[in-house]
Amino acid sequence: CLLIIDYGHFQYNGVALGLLLFAVGFTARGYLGVASVMYVLSVNFKQISLYYSPAFFFYFLAVKLRCTSVAQAVAGVAVLGCAVVSTFALCWAPWVGTAEGLSQVARRVFPVERGLFEDKV
């Protein structure tokens, strides 16, 4: 019942929350690469997931910096960075090809021309 109410009013926050919970679950099991992909999918689905970015970033960084050598730590951070960048690239690939596509995305993500305040919530 709560998901029906959530979908009606809050526009599919349950999907972003589900992807976020997958990310948390994979993080708890130690699959940080898969967790980072799930988190990026959550962020790309709903920007409200950005609130959790510092927690994921610093946890992943702390885990990777605890490696026995500097080379392992750098390699681990690089692998996670590649997972994040490639997931973003796949999500944004349909719109990055043209300036018109990027312009459309920018206007929809940052709708400053209609004002930052909506009076009908």
Protein backbone atom coordinates (compact mmCIF):
# COMPACT_ATOMS: atom_id res chain seq x y z
CA CYS A 1 0.00 0.00 0.00
CA LEU A 2 2.83 2.42 0.81
CA LEU A 3 4.43 1.82 -2.58
CA ILE A 4 1.15 2.70 -4.31
CA ILE A 5 0.94 5.95 -2.34
CA ASP A 6 4.63 6.57 -3.00
CA TYR A 7 4.21 6.03 -6.75
CA GLY A 8 1.20 8.29 -6.89
CA HIS A 9 2.71 11.24 -5.10
CA PHE A 10 6.48 10.95 -5.05
CA GLN A 11 7.02 9.68 -8.61
CA TYR A 12 8.67 6.28 -8.30
CA ASN A 13 10.98 6.86 -5.35
CA GLY A 14 10.62 3.13 -4.63
CA VAL A 15 12.68 2.24 -7.70
CA ALA A 16 15.53 4.51 -6.63
CA LEU A 17 15.24 3.15 -3.09
CA GLY A 18 15.36 -0.42 -4.40
CA LEU A 19 18.52 0.29 -6.40
CA LEU A 20 19.98 1.97 -3.33
CA LEU A 21 19.16 -1.06 -1.17
CA PHE A 22 20.83 -3.30 -3.75
CA ALA A 23 23.90 -1.06 -3.46
CA VAL A 24 23.86 -1.32 0.33
CA GLY A 25 23.44 -5.10 0.17
CA PHE A 26 26.31 -5.55 -2.27
CA THR A 27 28.44 -3.23 -0.13
CA ALA A 28 27.72 -5.33 2.96
CA ARG A 29 28.79 -8.46 1.09
CA GLY A 30 31.99 -6.83 -0.14
CA TYR A 31 31.07 -6.51 -3.83
CA LEU A 32 32.04 -2.87 -4.10
CA GLY A 33 32.18 -2.77 -7.90
CA VAL A 34 28.61 -4.03 -8.26
CA ALA A 35 27.53 -1.78 -5.39
CA SER A 36 28.96 1.27 -7.11
CA VAL A 37 27.12 0.38 -10.34
CA MET A 38 23.83 -0.01 -8.43
CA TYR A 39 24.36 3.29 -6.66
CA VAL A 40 25.10 5.13 -9.91
CA LEU A 41 21.93 3.64 -11.41
CA SER A 42 20.01 4.92 -8.39
CA VAL A 43 21.47 8.41 -8.79
CA ASN A 44 20.68 8.43 -12.49
CA PHE A 45 17.12 7.30 -11.81
CA LYS A 46 16.38 9.93 -9.14
CA GLN A 47 18.73 12.70 -8.09
CA ILE A 48 17.51 12.49 -4.50
CA SER A 49 19.93 9.56 -4.11
CA LEU A 50 22.78 12.07 -4.20
CA TYR A 51 22.21 12.58 -0.47
CA TYR A 52 23.94 9.26 0.13
CA SER A 53 27.00 10.03 -2.02
CA PRO A 54 29.34 11.09 0.81
CA ALA A 55 28.61 7.91 2.76
CA PHE A 56 29.26 5.63 -0.22
CA PHE A 57 32.30 7.60 -1.37
CA PHE A 58 34.08 7.68 1.96
CA TYR A 59 33.22 4.07 2.83
CA PHE A 60 34.52 2.80 -0.53
CA LEU A 61 37.62 4.98 -0.23
CA ALA A 62 38.30 3.77 3.32
CA VAL A 63 37.96 0.12 2.30
CA LYS A 64 40.28 0.54 -0.67
CA LEU A 65 42.87 2.56 1.29
CA ARG A 66 43.17 -0.22 3.89
CA CYS A 67 45.01 -2.39 1.34
CA THR A 68 48.45 -3.69 2.21
CA SER A 69 50.28 -1.67 -0.42
CA VAL A 70 49.87 1.70 -2.07
CA ALA A 71 49.71 0.05 -5.50
CA GLN A 72 46.77 -2.13 -4.42
CA ALA A 73 44.98 0.89 -2.96
CA VAL A 74 45.45 2.94 -6.12
CA ALA A 75 44.37 0.01 -8.31
CA GLY A 76 41.26 -0.56 -6.18
CA VAL A 77 40.23 3.09 -6.33
CA ALA A 78 40.89 3.12 -10.09
CA VAL A 79 38.68 0.05 -10.62
CA LEU A 80 35.82 1.63 -8.69
CA GLY A 81 36.32 4.89 -10.57
CA CYS A 82 36.13 3.03 -13.89
CA ALA A 83 32.92 1.29 -12.79
CA VAL A 84 31.33 4.61 -11.86
CA VAL A 85 32.46 6.48 -14.98
CA SER A 86 31.48 3.66 -17.35
CA THR A 87 28.04 3.33 -15.75
CA PHE A 88 27.46 7.06 -16.07
CA ALA A 89 28.69 6.90 -19.68
CA LEU A 90 26.26 4.08 -20.53
CA CYS A 91 23.35 5.89 -18.89
CA TRP A 92 24.08 9.18 -20.63
CA ALA A 93 25.25 7.81 -24.02
CA PRO A 94 21.94 8.38 -25.86
CA TRP A 95 22.04 12.12 -25.10
CA VAL A 96 25.75 12.90 -25.25
CA GLY A 97 26.02 12.48 -29.03
CA THR A 98 24.53 15.86 -29.93
CA ALA A 99 24.52 19.35 -28.50
CA GLU A 100 20.72 19.36 -28.79
CA GLY A 101 20.51 16.23 -26.63
CA LEU A 102 22.76 17.68 -23.94
CA SER A 103 20.78 20.90 -24.00
CA GLN A 104 17.51 19.01 -23.51
CA VAL A 105 18.94 17.05 -20.59
CA ALA A 106 20.39 20.16 -18.94
CA ARG A 107 17.06 22.00 -19.20
CA ARG A 108 15.16 19.09 -17.68
CA VAL A 109 17.63 18.35 -14.91
CA PHE A 110 18.11 22.02 -13.99
CA PRO A 111 14.77 23.75 -14.81
CA VAL A 112 15.85 27.26 -13.82
CA GLU A 113 13.88 28.97 -16.61
CA ARG A 114 10.57 28.11 -14.91
CA GLY A 115 11.90 29.15 -11.51
CA LEU A 116 13.33 27.08 -8.70
CA PHE A 117 10.11 27.06 -6.69
CA GLU A 118 7.05 25.06 -7.60
CA ASP A 119 3.82 26.23 -6.02
CA LYS A 120 1.84 23.05 -6.77
CA VAL A 121 3.25 20.25 -4.69
